[in-house]
Structures are given as structure tokens and as C-alpha cells.
Amino acid sequence: QVQLVESGGGLVQAGGSLKLSCAASESTFSFNVMTWYRQAPGKQRDLVARISTGGSTDYADSVKGRFTISRDGAKNTVYLQMNSLKPEDTAVYYCNAAGWVSLIWRDFWGQGTQVTVSS
């Protein structure tokens, strides 16, 4: 079973920065895509940013230019650098790993890390 452990969340003032980490129990290159999602209270879980095995990235419009997703293959870790944070970025942030496992598309989730941005 793949394990994903997020860290780096916390309380920050608007305009500040945080860097989230997602440590995987195996190489992140084992998966087709690594994705950060977030879920605010009472709202659905939304895609924030994703990175493919080849290194291509996609971002939600609301975070473009402020957030950057990256990976460190040697550490089996994916990061989310969040700058110019806004109160509306407040949410639980989840890491997801997805890909083909024994010809079956599988995805795995971390437990989430809380990000709170105060105004």
C-alpha cells in the first residue's frame, strides 16, 4: 500500500508563504501524475496543481502565478510552494498519487494538512 504523508501546513497571514511537502513511500515517478487538491469547509475537493512523470504541470486558475508544484525524485517528495497567500486559500490540502498499478488505474491519498490564511 502506498503511503503519502503531507506536512508544512499552518497558520499564516495574508500575503505570506508556505511550502507543503508530500512524502511518498515509493518513487513518485511510479505514478503517472502527482496532484495537490484542497477542500475548504462545506465545499468540494478541488484540484490545485499537478505534475506528470514527464514534468509537465497544470494549475487551477485561482493559484496560477502564486503556487508552484515541484518534485525531488531522490527524496520521493512532491512540494507545493504557495506565495502571496489569500484567505480564500484556507483549506485542507491533500496529496494524491495516481497511475497504472498491475493494469489497473489506482490513486492514493494522504491524510491532508491544514492551511489557514488570516486576513
C-alpha atoms as a PDB file:
ATOM      1  CA  GLN A   1       0.000   0.000   0.000  1.00  0.00           C
ATOM      2  CA  VAL A   2       1.365   3.375  -0.999  1.00  0.00           C
ATOM      3  CA  GLN A   3       1.618   5.911   1.786  1.00  0.00           C
ATOM      4  CA  LEU A   4       1.585   9.653   1.309  1.00  0.00           C
ATOM      5  CA  VAL A   5       2.376  11.989   4.182  1.00  0.00           C
ATOM      6  CA  GLU A   6       1.734  15.705   3.847  1.00  0.00           C
ATOM      7  CA  SER A   7       3.392  18.322   6.019  1.00  0.00           C
ATOM      8  CA  GLY A   8       4.095  22.027   6.083  1.00  0.00           C
ATOM      9  CA  GLY A   9       0.648  23.409   6.726  1.00  0.00           C
ATOM     10  CA  GLY A  10      -0.077  26.024   9.333  1.00  0.00           C
ATOM     11  CA  LEU A  11      -1.374  29.482  10.067  1.00  0.00           C
ATOM     12  CA  VAL A  12      -0.047  32.379   8.006  1.00  0.00           C
ATOM     13  CA  GLN A  13      -1.090  35.957   7.367  1.00  0.00           C
ATOM     14  CA  ALA A  14      -2.392  37.065   4.014  1.00  0.00           C
ATOM     15  CA  GLY A  15       0.486  37.759   1.665  1.00  0.00           C
ATOM     16  CA  GLY A  16       2.683  35.188   3.342  1.00  0.00           C
ATOM     17  CA  SER A  17       4.119  31.921   2.073  1.00  0.00           C
ATOM     18  CA  LEU A  18       4.079  28.250   2.948  1.00  0.00           C
ATOM     19  CA  LYS A  19       5.704  25.217   1.405  1.00  0.00           C
ATOM     20  CA  LEU A  20       3.844  21.926   1.602  1.00  0.00           C
ATOM     21  CA  SER A  21       5.571  18.590   1.256  1.00  0.00           C
ATOM     22  CA  CYS A  22       4.177  15.208   0.271  1.00  0.00           C
ATOM     23  CA  ALA A  23       6.491  12.332   1.090  1.00  0.00           C
ATOM     24  CA  ALA A  24       5.693   9.081  -0.678  1.00  0.00           C
ATOM     25  CA  SER A  25       6.624   5.570   0.421  1.00  0.00           C
ATOM     26  CA  GLU A  26       7.920   4.854  -3.067  1.00  0.00           C
ATOM     27  CA  SER A  27       9.242   6.782  -6.016  1.00  0.00           C
ATOM     28  CA  THR A  28       6.853   9.474  -7.209  1.00  0.00           C
ATOM     29  CA  PHE A  29       7.920   8.536 -10.730  1.00  0.00           C
ATOM     30  CA  SER A  30       5.996   5.281 -10.187  1.00  0.00           C
ATOM     31  CA  PHE A  31       2.848   7.308 -10.759  1.00  0.00           C
ATOM     32  CA  ASN A  32       1.593   8.999 -13.886  1.00  0.00           C
ATOM     33  CA  VAL A  33       0.660  12.121 -12.014  1.00  0.00           C
ATOM     34  CA  MET A  34       1.067  13.676  -8.589  1.00  0.00           C
ATOM     35  CA  THR A  35      -1.592  16.171  -7.622  1.00  0.00           C
ATOM     36  CA  TRP A  36      -2.358  18.620  -4.837  1.00  0.00           C
ATOM     37  CA  TYR A  37      -6.046  19.117  -4.025  1.00  0.00           C
ATOM     38  CA  ARG A  38      -7.698  21.267  -1.420  1.00  0.00           C
ATOM     39  CA  GLN A  39     -11.007  21.237   0.357  1.00  0.00           C
ATOM     40  CA  ALA A  40     -12.485  24.151   2.239  1.00  0.00           C
ATOM     41  CA  PRO A  41     -15.249  23.589   4.819  1.00  0.00           C
ATOM     42  CA  GLY A  42     -18.551  22.859   3.123  1.00  0.00           C
ATOM     43  CA  LYS A  43     -17.008  22.784  -0.338  1.00  0.00           C
ATOM     44  CA  GLN A  44     -15.921  20.109  -2.749  1.00  0.00           C
ATOM     45  CA  ARG A  45     -12.351  18.963  -3.123  1.00  0.00           C
ATOM     46  CA  ASP A  46     -10.689  20.876  -5.939  1.00  0.00           C
ATOM     47  CA  LEU A  47      -7.532  20.370  -7.938  1.00  0.00           C
ATOM     48  CA  VAL A  48      -4.827  22.890  -7.113  1.00  0.00           C
ATOM     49  CA  ALA A  49      -1.802  21.719  -9.089  1.00  0.00           C
ATOM     50  CA  ARG A  50      -0.432  18.578 -10.686  1.00  0.00           C
ATOM     51  CA  ILE A  51       2.809  17.336 -12.140  1.00  0.00           C
ATOM     52  CA  SER A  52       3.229  14.469 -14.558  1.00  0.00           C
ATOM     53  CA  THR A  53       6.035  11.959 -14.771  1.00  0.00           C
ATOM     54  CA  GLY A  54       7.464  13.976 -17.629  1.00  0.00           C
ATOM     55  CA  GLY A  55       7.447  17.134 -15.561  1.00  0.00           C
ATOM     56  CA  SER A  56       4.562  18.985 -17.164  1.00  0.00           C
ATOM     57  CA  THR A  57       2.461  20.989 -14.731  1.00  0.00           C
ATOM     58  CA  ASP A  58      -1.079  22.325 -14.524  1.00  0.00           C
ATOM     59  CA  TYR A  59      -2.599  24.784 -12.093  1.00  0.00           C
ATOM     60  CA  ALA A  60      -6.029  25.943 -11.091  1.00  0.00           C
ATOM     61  CA  ASP A  61      -6.679  29.435 -12.410  1.00  0.00           C
ATOM     62  CA  SER A  62      -7.053  30.726  -8.866  1.00  0.00           C
ATOM     63  CA  VAL A  63      -3.444  29.845  -7.976  1.00  0.00           C
ATOM     64  CA  LYS A  64      -1.593  30.472 -11.234  1.00  0.00           C
ATOM     65  CA  GLY A  65       1.382  32.720 -10.711  1.00  0.00           C
ATOM     66  CA  ARG A  66       1.294  32.203  -6.938  1.00  0.00           C
ATOM     67  CA  PHE A  67       1.762  28.448  -6.424  1.00  0.00           C
ATOM     68  CA  THR A  68       4.454  26.180  -7.806  1.00  0.00           C
ATOM     69  CA  ILE A  69       4.462  22.384  -7.783  1.00  0.00           C
ATOM     70  CA  SER A  70       7.754  20.529  -7.943  1.00  0.00           C
ATOM     71  CA  ARG A  71       9.285  17.188  -7.075  1.00  0.00           C
ATOM     72  CA  ASP A  72      12.514  15.793  -5.690  1.00  0.00           C
ATOM     73  CA  GLY A  73      12.962  12.327  -7.117  1.00  0.00           C
ATOM     74  CA  ALA A  74      15.750  11.434  -4.735  1.00  0.00           C
ATOM     75  CA  LYS A  75      13.506  12.154  -1.750  1.00  0.00           C
ATOM     76  CA  ASN A  76      10.282  10.706  -3.205  1.00  0.00           C
ATOM     77  CA  THR A  77       8.690  14.031  -2.366  1.00  0.00           C
ATOM     78  CA  VAL A  78       6.428  16.476  -4.135  1.00  0.00           C
ATOM     79  CA  TYR A  79       6.204  20.072  -3.000  1.00  0.00           C
ATOM     80  CA  LEU A  80       3.739  22.907  -3.272  1.00  0.00           C
ATOM     81  CA  GLN A  81       5.253  26.338  -2.820  1.00  0.00           C
ATOM     82  CA  MET A  82       2.496  28.789  -2.006  1.00  0.00           C
ATOM     83  CA  ASN A  83       3.197  32.507  -2.198  1.00  0.00           C
ATOM     84  CA  SER A  84       1.006  35.581  -1.850  1.00  0.00           C
ATOM     85  CA  LEU A  85      -1.485  33.576   0.137  1.00  0.00           C
ATOM     86  CA  LYS A  86      -5.051  34.800   0.431  1.00  0.00           C
ATOM     87  CA  PRO A  87      -7.754  33.998   2.998  1.00  0.00           C
ATOM     88  CA  GLU A  88      -9.601  32.074   0.283  1.00  0.00           C
ATOM     89  CA  ASP A  89      -6.655  29.664   0.111  1.00  0.00           C
ATOM     90  CA  THR A  90      -7.679  28.382   3.544  1.00  0.00           C
ATOM     91  CA  ALA A  91      -8.403  24.661   3.234  1.00  0.00           C
ATOM     92  CA  VAL A  92      -7.155  21.196   3.976  1.00  0.00           C
ATOM     93  CA  TYR A  93      -4.578  20.342   1.313  1.00  0.00           C
ATOM     94  CA  TYR A  94      -4.322  16.752   0.133  1.00  0.00           C
ATOM     95  CA  CYS A  95      -1.680  14.979  -1.890  1.00  0.00           C
ATOM     96  CA  ASN A  96      -2.755  12.412  -4.471  1.00  0.00           C
ATOM     97  CA  ALA A  97      -0.717   9.906  -6.443  1.00  0.00           C
ATOM     98  CA  ALA A  98      -2.326   8.246  -9.459  1.00  0.00           C
ATOM     99  CA  GLY A  99      -1.182   5.773 -12.055  1.00  0.00           C
ATOM    100  CA  TRP A 100      -1.359   2.292 -13.500  1.00  0.00           C
ATOM    101  CA  VAL A 101      -0.786  -0.497 -10.991  1.00  0.00           C
ATOM    102  CA  SER A 102      -0.938  -4.020 -12.434  1.00  0.00           C
ATOM    103  CA  LEU A 103      -3.002  -2.699 -15.362  1.00  0.00           C
ATOM    104  CA  ILE A 104      -5.479  -1.034 -13.008  1.00  0.00           C
ATOM    105  CA  TRP A 105      -5.729   2.732 -12.569  1.00  0.00           C
ATOM    106  CA  ARG A 106      -5.205   3.434  -8.912  1.00  0.00           C
ATOM    107  CA  ASP A 107      -4.960   6.533  -6.843  1.00  0.00           C
ATOM    108  CA  PHE A 108      -3.761   7.098  -3.314  1.00  0.00           C
ATOM    109  CA  TRP A 109      -4.395   9.901  -0.839  1.00  0.00           C
ATOM    110  CA  GLY A 110      -2.575  11.434   2.050  1.00  0.00           C
ATOM    111  CA  GLN A 111      -4.262  12.456   5.273  1.00  0.00           C
ATOM    112  CA  GLY A 112      -4.190  16.159   4.489  1.00  0.00           C
ATOM    113  CA  THR A 113      -2.590  19.207   6.052  1.00  0.00           C
ATOM    114  CA  GLN A 114      -4.466  22.301   7.206  1.00  0.00           C
ATOM    115  CA  VAL A 115      -3.591  25.681   5.739  1.00  0.00           C
ATOM    116  CA  THR A 116      -5.181  28.716   7.352  1.00  0.00           C
ATOM    117  CA  VAL A 117      -4.635  32.197   5.962  1.00  0.00           C
ATOM    118  CA  SER A 118      -5.696  35.071   8.177  1.00  0.00           C
ATOM    119  CA  SER A 119      -6.710  38.456   6.814  1.00  0.00           C
END
